[in-house]
Amino acid sequence: MSNISIEIGNLRVVRGKSEVLHGIDLQIAKGKVTGLLGPSGSGKTTLMRAIVGVQKGVEGKIAVLGIAAGSRALDRRVAYDTQAASVFDDLTVSQNLSYAARILGVQKAAIDEAIEAVGLVGFEKQLVSNLSGGQRNRVSLAVALLGKPELIVLDEPTVGLDPVLRRDLWNLFHKLAQNGATILVSSHVMDEAERCDSLVLMREGRVLAHETLSSLLSKTKTESAEDAFLALIESEGESK
């Protein structure tokens, strides 16, 4: 059995007359927390959308769990949590999860587990419209966790969260990975690199590096992910 969850070959994405992803080759290992890091506009969200099969203008190969990205067979095996919370504002927290659970065919126990996992115990009867932005994002994340997907793609899940909750969510991501799930999580906050098993650094639609933080720091002779990122950019500029 392959230990690769996502395999990408010569991926290009064209939007209008502009190419936004430029021939990306990438393999993401199963059962790991892989961080997709880079500044806004680097192509992180476009890459994630291509992986889950909802991006238009895609050229190249994308295999997810051994199947072509976007295949119906992946519907319940892959979860995607977008930057904009995918929830109904006029429903309560529990109603949102109950609706998703009926679609996925999972039991109530899974709803309770998801609510506890994202730290929303006590908010079950709250209308989503009355929650803070960070709480709404956590409801959306809870929906993504229903059904125990094999691949969980998370676009900026820790934006707007306090340090304690950020820590708790990263602990959750690693627990899910230890139980066999593959976690692909994007962030523009470079210090979150320390929380990942492996890093994919992106800039201007290209992958600058894909390796562990320790390997990256050693290669660039730097002491932080941000400094390493800057060193890669400088090195890229000198090679052109």
C-alpha atoms as a PDB file:
ATOM      1  CA  MET A   1       0.000   0.000   0.000  1.00  0.00           C
ATOM      2  CA  SER A   2       1.339   3.425  -0.957  1.00  0.00           C
ATOM      3  CA  ASN A   3       2.261   5.854   1.792  1.00  0.00           C
ATOM      4  CA  ILE A   4       1.447   8.774  -0.517  1.00  0.00           C
ATOM      5  CA  SER A   5      -1.881  10.526   0.007  1.00  0.00           C
ATOM      6  CA  ILE A   6      -1.596  13.207  -2.712  1.00  0.00           C
ATOM      7  CA  GLU A   7       0.461  12.930  -5.888  1.00  0.00           C
ATOM      8  CA  ILE A   8       0.716  15.936  -8.186  1.00  0.00           C
ATOM      9  CA  GLY A   9       2.522  16.087 -11.523  1.00  0.00           C
ATOM     10  CA  ASN A  10       3.124  19.192 -13.656  1.00  0.00           C
ATOM     11  CA  LEU A  11       0.068  20.945 -12.223  1.00  0.00           C
ATOM     12  CA  ARG A  12      -0.851  24.184 -13.945  1.00  0.00           C
ATOM     13  CA  VAL A  13      -3.889  26.333 -13.275  1.00  0.00           C
ATOM     14  CA  VAL A  14      -4.961  29.015 -15.721  1.00  0.00           C
ATOM     15  CA  ARG A  15      -7.409  31.717 -14.660  1.00  0.00           C
ATOM     16  CA  GLY A  16      -8.521  33.914 -17.534  1.00  0.00           C
ATOM     17  CA  LYS A  17      -5.352  34.734 -19.418  1.00  0.00           C
ATOM     18  CA  SER A  18      -3.080  34.269 -16.396  1.00  0.00           C
ATOM     19  CA  GLU A  19      -1.328  31.127 -15.209  1.00  0.00           C
ATOM     20  CA  VAL A  20      -1.541  31.078 -11.397  1.00  0.00           C
ATOM     21  CA  LEU A  21       0.125  27.717 -10.686  1.00  0.00           C
ATOM     22  CA  HIS A  22       3.232  26.951 -12.699  1.00  0.00           C
ATOM     23  CA  GLY A  23       4.030  23.260 -13.223  1.00  0.00           C
ATOM     24  CA  ILE A  24       3.892  22.020  -9.620  1.00  0.00           C
ATOM     25  CA  ASP A  25       5.222  18.539  -8.756  1.00  0.00           C
ATOM     26  CA  LEU A  26       4.431  17.375  -5.236  1.00  0.00           C
ATOM     27  CA  GLN A  27       3.852  14.297  -3.087  1.00  0.00           C
ATOM     28  CA  ILE A  28       2.139  14.484   0.314  1.00  0.00           C
ATOM     29  CA  ALA A  29       2.652  11.613   2.747  1.00  0.00           C
ATOM     30  CA  LYS A  30      -0.199   9.819   4.497  1.00  0.00           C
ATOM     31  CA  GLY A  31      -0.698  10.182   8.225  1.00  0.00           C
ATOM     32  CA  LYS A  32       1.249  13.434   8.509  1.00  0.00           C
ATOM     33  CA  VAL A  33       0.484  17.098   9.192  1.00  0.00           C
ATOM     34  CA  THR A  34       1.782  18.978   6.171  1.00  0.00           C
ATOM     35  CA  GLY A  35       1.866  22.749   6.348  1.00  0.00           C
ATOM     36  CA  LEU A  36       1.259  24.762   3.192  1.00  0.00           C
ATOM     37  CA  LEU A  37       2.882  28.111   3.914  1.00  0.00           C
ATOM     38  CA  GLY A  38       3.357  31.292   1.978  1.00  0.00           C
ATOM     39  CA  PRO A  39       2.137  34.886   1.744  1.00  0.00           C
ATOM     40  CA  SER A  40      -1.331  35.826   0.528  1.00  0.00           C
ATOM     41  CA  GLY A  41      -1.512  35.416  -3.235  1.00  0.00           C
ATOM     42  CA  SER A  42       1.098  32.663  -3.387  1.00  0.00           C
ATOM     43  CA  GLY A  43      -1.367  30.084  -4.723  1.00  0.00           C
ATOM     44  CA  LYS A  44      -2.136  28.094  -1.567  1.00  0.00           C
ATOM     45  CA  THR A  45      -5.914  28.208  -1.882  1.00  0.00           C
ATOM     46  CA  THR A  46      -5.795  27.487  -5.623  1.00  0.00           C
ATOM     47  CA  LEU A  47      -3.634  24.427  -4.959  1.00  0.00           C
ATOM     48  CA  MET A  48      -5.999  23.201  -2.249  1.00  0.00           C
ATOM     49  CA  ARG A  49      -9.031  23.694  -4.498  1.00  0.00           C
ATOM     50  CA  ALA A  50      -7.283  21.707  -7.228  1.00  0.00           C
ATOM     51  CA  ILE A  51      -6.557  18.884  -4.789  1.00  0.00           C
ATOM     52  CA  VAL A  52     -10.191  18.588  -3.703  1.00  0.00           C
ATOM     53  CA  GLY A  53     -11.390  18.832  -7.309  1.00  0.00           C
ATOM     54  CA  VAL A  54     -13.267  22.140  -7.321  1.00  0.00           C
ATOM     55  CA  GLN A  55     -10.764  24.342  -9.176  1.00  0.00           C
ATOM     56  CA  LYS A  56     -11.342  25.252 -12.821  1.00  0.00           C
ATOM     57  CA  GLY A  57      -8.625  25.586 -15.444  1.00  0.00           C
ATOM     58  CA  VAL A  58      -6.560  22.660 -14.131  1.00  0.00           C
ATOM     59  CA  GLU A  59      -3.935  20.941 -16.280  1.00  0.00           C
ATOM     60  CA  GLY A  60      -1.712  18.064 -15.189  1.00  0.00           C
ATOM     61  CA  LYS A  61      -2.065  15.093 -12.856  1.00  0.00           C
ATOM     62  CA  ILE A  62      -3.608  15.099  -9.381  1.00  0.00           C
ATOM     63  CA  ALA A  63      -4.206  11.756  -7.656  1.00  0.00           C
ATOM     64  CA  VAL A  64      -5.803  11.751  -4.204  1.00  0.00           C
ATOM     65  CA  LEU A  65      -5.735   8.489  -2.234  1.00  0.00           C
ATOM     66  CA  GLY A  66      -4.871   6.800  -5.523  1.00  0.00           C
ATOM     67  CA  ILE A  67      -7.900   8.247  -7.368  1.00  0.00           C
ATOM     68  CA  ALA A  68      -8.233  11.206  -9.724  1.00  0.00           C
ATOM     69  CA  ALA A  69      -8.967  14.391  -7.772  1.00  0.00           C
ATOM     70  CA  GLY A  70     -12.648  15.328  -7.746  1.00  0.00           C
ATOM     71  CA  SER A  71     -13.909  11.775  -8.285  1.00  0.00           C
ATOM     72  CA  ARG A  72     -17.232  10.914  -6.660  1.00  0.00           C
ATOM     73  CA  ALA A  73     -15.508   8.019  -4.920  1.00  0.00           C
ATOM     74  CA  LEU A  74     -13.636  10.595  -2.813  1.00  0.00           C
ATOM     75  CA  ASP A  75     -16.729  12.476  -1.596  1.00  0.00           C
ATOM     76  CA  ARG A  76     -16.713  10.922   1.882  1.00  0.00           C
ATOM     77  CA  ARG A  77     -12.980  10.260   2.092  1.00  0.00           C
ATOM     78  CA  VAL A  78     -11.898  13.888   1.674  1.00  0.00           C
ATOM     79  CA  ALA A  79     -12.982  16.908   3.747  1.00  0.00           C
ATOM     80  CA  TYR A  80     -12.323  20.520   2.788  1.00  0.00           C
ATOM     81  CA  ASP A  81     -12.687  23.406   5.219  1.00  0.00           C
ATOM     82  CA  THR A  82     -12.522  26.739   3.383  1.00  0.00           C
ATOM     83  CA  GLN A  83     -11.431  30.131   4.721  1.00  0.00           C
ATOM     84  CA  ALA A  84     -15.062  31.287   4.650  1.00  0.00           C
ATOM     85  CA  ALA A  85     -16.982  29.173   7.160  1.00  0.00           C
ATOM     86  CA  SER A  86     -19.231  26.708   5.294  1.00  0.00           C
ATOM     87  CA  VAL A  87     -22.182  26.824   7.710  1.00  0.00           C
ATOM     88  CA  PHE A  88     -25.773  28.071   7.862  1.00  0.00           C
ATOM     89  CA  ASP A  89     -26.108  31.225   9.958  1.00  0.00           C
ATOM     90  CA  ASP A  90     -29.802  30.649  10.698  1.00  0.00           C
ATOM     91  CA  LEU A  91     -29.176  27.242  12.285  1.00  0.00           C
ATOM     92  CA  THR A  92     -27.675  26.402  15.655  1.00  0.00           C
ATOM     93  CA  VAL A  93     -24.314  24.692  16.025  1.00  0.00           C
ATOM     94  CA  SER A  94     -25.994  21.319  16.625  1.00  0.00           C
ATOM     95  CA  GLN A  95     -28.408  21.779  13.727  1.00  0.00           C
ATOM     96  CA  ASN A  96     -25.551  22.520  11.336  1.00  0.00           C
ATOM     97  CA  LEU A  97     -23.739  19.367  12.366  1.00  0.00           C
ATOM     98  CA  SER A  98     -26.909  17.255  12.393  1.00  0.00           C
ATOM     99  CA  TYR A  99     -27.674  18.330   8.827  1.00  0.00           C
ATOM    100  CA  ALA A 100     -24.157  17.394   7.666  1.00  0.00           C
ATOM    101  CA  ALA A 101     -24.282  14.138   9.640  1.00  0.00           C
ATOM    102  CA  ARG A 102     -27.488  13.041   7.865  1.00  0.00           C
ATOM    103  CA  ILE A 103     -25.840  13.635   4.493  1.00  0.00           C
ATOM    104  CA  LEU A 104     -22.762  11.650   5.540  1.00  0.00           C
ATOM    105  CA  GLY A 105     -24.763   8.947   7.326  1.00  0.00           C
ATOM    106  CA  VAL A 106     -22.893   9.250  10.625  1.00  0.00           C
ATOM    107  CA  GLN A 107     -24.276   8.797  14.136  1.00  0.00           C
ATOM    108  CA  LYS A 108     -24.961  11.424  16.807  1.00  0.00           C
ATOM    109  CA  ALA A 109     -21.881  10.316  18.727  1.00  0.00           C
ATOM    110  CA  ALA A 110     -19.760  11.683  15.873  1.00  0.00           C
ATOM    111  CA  ILE A 111     -21.459  15.085  16.281  1.00  0.00           C
ATOM    112  CA  ASP A 112     -20.642  15.175  19.992  1.00  0.00           C
ATOM    113  CA  GLU A 113     -17.032  14.164  19.297  1.00  0.00           C
ATOM    114  CA  ALA A 114     -16.609  16.896  16.678  1.00  0.00           C
ATOM    115  CA  ILE A 115     -18.091  19.598  18.922  1.00  0.00           C
ATOM    116  CA  GLU A 116     -15.791  18.601  21.761  1.00  0.00           C
ATOM    117  CA  ALA A 117     -12.769  18.392  19.446  1.00  0.00           C
ATOM    118  CA  VAL A 118     -13.107  22.015  18.309  1.00  0.00           C
ATOM    119  CA  GLY A 119     -13.895  23.390  21.770  1.00  0.00           C
ATOM    120  CA  LEU A 120     -17.556  24.292  21.290  1.00  0.00           C
ATOM    121  CA  VAL A 121     -19.115  22.368  24.161  1.00  0.00           C
ATOM    122  CA  GLY A 122     -21.759  24.637  25.667  1.00  0.00           C
ATOM    123  CA  PHE A 123     -22.463  26.405  22.373  1.00  0.00           C
ATOM    124  CA  GLU A 124     -24.586  23.651  20.824  1.00  0.00           C
ATOM    125  CA  LYS A 125     -27.844  25.663  20.974  1.00  0.00           C
ATOM    126  CA  GLN A 126     -26.329  28.958  19.840  1.00  0.00           C
ATOM    127  CA  LEU A 127     -27.315  30.305  16.439  1.00  0.00           C
ATOM    128  CA  VAL A 128     -24.253  30.487  14.228  1.00  0.00           C
ATOM    129  CA  SER A 129     -25.153  34.093  13.358  1.00  0.00           C
ATOM    130  CA  ASN A 130     -24.577  35.007  17.017  1.00  0.00           C
ATOM    131  CA  LEU A 131     -21.086  33.490  17.181  1.00  0.00           C
ATOM    132  CA  SER A 132     -17.769  35.255  16.708  1.00  0.00           C
ATOM    133  CA  GLY A 133     -15.812  34.782  13.507  1.00  0.00           C
ATOM    134  CA  GLY A 134     -13.440  32.340  15.165  1.00  0.00           C
ATOM    135  CA  GLN A 135     -16.328  30.317  16.589  1.00  0.00           C
ATOM    136  CA  ARG A 136     -18.035  30.164  13.177  1.00  0.00           C
ATOM    137  CA  ASN A 137     -14.805  28.831  11.713  1.00  0.00           C
ATOM    138  CA  ARG A 138     -14.723  26.151  14.392  1.00  0.00           C
ATOM    139  CA  VAL A 139     -18.272  25.055  13.522  1.00  0.00           C
ATOM    140  CA  SER A 140     -17.132  24.695   9.916  1.00  0.00           C
ATOM    141  CA  LEU A 141     -14.111  22.675  11.067  1.00  0.00           C
ATOM    142  CA  ALA A 142     -16.369  20.419  13.154  1.00  0.00           C
ATOM    143  CA  VAL A 143     -18.446  19.712  10.040  1.00  0.00           C
ATOM    144  CA  ALA A 144     -15.247  18.777   8.175  1.00  0.00           C
ATOM    145  CA  LEU A 145     -14.318  16.283  10.899  1.00  0.00           C
ATOM    146  CA  LEU A 146     -17.599  14.366  10.661  1.00  0.00           C
ATOM    147  CA  GLY A 147     -17.291  10.979   9.034  1.00  0.00           C
ATOM    148  CA  LYS A 148     -13.603  10.620   9.913  1.00  0.00           C
ATOM    149  CA  PRO A 149     -12.227  11.530   6.456  1.00  0.00           C
ATOM    150  CA  GLU A 150      -8.876  10.118   5.348  1.00  0.00           C
ATOM    151  CA  LEU A 151      -7.687  13.461   3.955  1.00  0.00           C
ATOM    152  CA  ILE A 152      -8.549  16.760   5.660  1.00  0.00           C
ATOM    153  CA  VAL A 153      -7.704  19.945   3.745  1.00  0.00           C
ATOM    154  CA  LEU A 154      -7.821  23.061   5.926  1.00  0.00           C
ATOM    155  CA  ASP A 155      -7.472  26.579   4.518  1.00  0.00           C
ATOM    156  CA  GLU A 156      -6.217  28.998   7.214  1.00  0.00           C
ATOM    157  CA  PRO A 157      -8.111  27.241  10.066  1.00  0.00           C
ATOM    158  CA  THR A 158      -6.390  29.142  12.897  1.00  0.00           C
ATOM    159  CA  VAL A 159      -6.984  32.701  11.649  1.00  0.00           C
ATOM    160  CA  GLY A 160      -8.514  34.875  14.361  1.00  0.00           C
ATOM    161  CA  LEU A 161      -8.107  32.331  17.141  1.00  0.00           C
ATOM    162  CA  ASP A 162      -6.493  32.988  20.498  1.00  0.00           C
ATOM    163  CA  PRO A 163      -3.145  31.285  21.275  1.00  0.00           C
ATOM    164  CA  VAL A 164      -4.679  28.636  23.555  1.00  0.00           C
ATOM    165  CA  LEU A 165      -7.233  27.534  20.985  1.00  0.00           C
ATOM    166  CA  ARG A 166      -4.621  27.580  18.225  1.00  0.00           C
ATOM    167  CA  ARG A 167      -2.465  25.260  20.322  1.00  0.00           C
ATOM    168  CA  ASP A 168      -5.436  22.958  21.005  1.00  0.00           C
ATOM    169  CA  LEU A 169      -6.355  22.757  17.324  1.00  0.00           C
ATOM    170  CA  TRP A 170      -2.798  21.904  16.301  1.00  0.00           C
ATOM    171  CA  ASN A 171      -2.806  19.174  18.938  1.00  0.00           C
ATOM    172  CA  LEU A 172      -6.055  17.915  17.395  1.00  0.00           C
ATOM    173  CA  PHE A 173      -4.516  17.890  13.914  1.00  0.00           C
ATOM    174  CA  HIS A 174      -1.636  15.738  15.160  1.00  0.00           C
ATOM    175  CA  LYS A 175      -4.007  13.397  16.974  1.00  0.00           C
ATOM    176  CA  LEU A 176      -5.980  12.918  13.757  1.00  0.00           C
ATOM    177  CA  ALA A 177      -2.738  12.242  11.866  1.00  0.00           C
ATOM    178  CA  GLN A 178      -1.651   9.692  14.480  1.00  0.00           C
ATOM    179  CA  ASN A 179      -4.952   7.918  13.849  1.00  0.00           C
ATOM    180  CA  GLY A 180      -4.126   7.695  10.142  1.00  0.00           C
ATOM    181  CA  ALA A 181      -5.593  10.840   8.579  1.00  0.00           C
ATOM    182  CA  THR A 182      -3.583  13.090   6.286  1.00  0.00           C
ATOM    183  CA  ILE A 183      -3.790  16.761   7.245  1.00  0.00           C
ATOM    184  CA  LEU A 184      -2.952  19.502   4.745  1.00  0.00           C
ATOM    185  CA  VAL A 185      -3.213  22.868   6.472  1.00  0.00           C
ATOM    186  CA  SER A 186      -2.436  26.273   5.005  1.00  0.00           C
ATOM    187  CA  SER A 187      -1.200  29.343   6.836  1.00  0.00           C
ATOM    188  CA  HIS A 188       0.499  32.635   6.065  1.00  0.00           C
ATOM    189  CA  VAL A 189       1.905  32.701   9.631  1.00  0.00           C
ATOM    190  CA  MET A 190       5.433  31.361   9.374  1.00  0.00           C
ATOM    191  CA  ASP A 191       5.818  30.457  13.063  1.00  0.00           C
ATOM    192  CA  GLU A 192       3.169  27.754  12.562  1.00  0.00           C
ATOM    193  CA  ALA A 193       5.812  25.869  10.577  1.00  0.00           C
ATOM    194  CA  GLU A 194       7.111  24.575  13.900  1.00  0.00           C
ATOM    195  CA  ARG A 195       3.845  22.672  14.391  1.00  0.00           C
ATOM    196  CA  CYS A 196       4.043  20.714  11.103  1.00  0.00           C
ATOM    197  CA  ASP A 197       5.649  17.366  10.279  1.00  0.00           C
ATOM    198  CA  SER A 198       6.539  18.627   6.821  1.00  0.00           C
ATOM    199  CA  LEU A 199       6.419  21.969   5.018  1.00  0.00           C
ATOM    200  CA  VAL A 200       5.487  23.083   1.526  1.00  0.00           C
ATOM    201  CA  LEU A 201       6.619  26.672   0.999  1.00  0.00           C
ATOM    202  CA  MET A 202       4.961  28.549  -1.868  1.00  0.00           C
ATOM    203  CA  ARG A 203       5.495  31.865  -3.609  1.00  0.00           C
ATOM    204  CA  GLU A 204       3.961  33.264  -6.784  1.00  0.00           C
ATOM    205  CA  GLY A 205       2.388  29.968  -7.817  1.00  0.00           C
ATOM    206  CA  ARG A 206       5.499  27.861  -7.343  1.00  0.00           C
ATOM    207  CA  VAL A 207       6.784  25.485  -4.660  1.00  0.00           C
ATOM    208  CA  LEU A 208      10.047  26.779  -3.220  1.00  0.00           C
ATOM    209  CA  ALA A 209      10.660  23.859  -0.868  1.00  0.00           C
ATOM    210  CA  HIS A 210       9.077  20.688   0.459  1.00  0.00           C
ATOM    211  CA  GLU A 211      10.855  19.249   3.495  1.00  0.00           C
ATOM    212  CA  THR A 212      10.937  19.237   7.281  1.00  0.00           C
ATOM    213  CA  LEU A 213      11.621  22.450   9.153  1.00  0.00           C
ATOM    214  CA  SER A 214      14.893  21.110  10.571  1.00  0.00           C
ATOM    215  CA  SER A 215      16.112  20.196   7.083  1.00  0.00           C
ATOM    216  CA  LEU A 216      15.071  23.586   5.737  1.00  0.00           C
ATOM    217  CA  LEU A 217      16.867  25.480   8.508  1.00  0.00           C
ATOM    218  CA  SER A 218      19.986  23.397   8.005  1.00  0.00           C
ATOM    219  CA  LYS A 219      19.971  23.920   4.243  1.00  0.00           C
ATOM    220  CA  THR A 220      19.464  27.699   4.464  1.00  0.00           C
ATOM    221  CA  LYS A 221      21.638  28.143   7.587  1.00  0.00           C
ATOM    222  CA  THR A 222      18.869  30.112   9.290  1.00  0.00           C
ATOM    223  CA  GLU A 223      17.098  29.885  12.642  1.00  0.00           C
ATOM    224  CA  SER A 224      13.432  30.479  11.774  1.00  0.00           C
ATOM    225  CA  ALA A 225      10.961  29.511   9.065  1.00  0.00           C
ATOM    226  CA  GLU A 226      10.547  33.148   8.075  1.00  0.00           C
ATOM    227  CA  ASP A 227      14.295  33.655   7.655  1.00  0.00           C
ATOM    228  CA  ALA A 228      14.518  30.406   5.707  1.00  0.00           C
ATOM    229  CA  PHE A 229      11.713  31.556   3.410  1.00  0.00           C
ATOM    230  CA  LEU A 230      13.512  34.856   2.764  1.00  0.00           C
ATOM    231  CA  ALA A 231      16.754  32.994   2.100  1.00  0.00           C
ATOM    232  CA  LEU A 232      15.011  30.809  -0.472  1.00  0.00           C
ATOM    233  CA  ILE A 233      13.594  33.866  -2.220  1.00  0.00           C
ATOM    234  CA  GLU A 234      17.042  35.506  -2.345  1.00  0.00           C
ATOM    235  CA  SER A 235      18.606  32.313  -3.635  1.00  0.00           C
ATOM    236  CA  GLU A 236      15.915  32.009  -6.314  1.00  0.00           C
ATOM    237  CA  GLY A 237      16.545  35.598  -7.389  1.00  0.00           C
ATOM    238  CA  GLU A 238      20.286  35.012  -7.707  1.00  0.00           C
ATOM    239  CA  SER A 239      19.773  31.900  -9.838  1.00  0.00           C
ATOM    240  CA  LYS A 240      17.662  33.741 -12.429  1.00  0.00           C
END
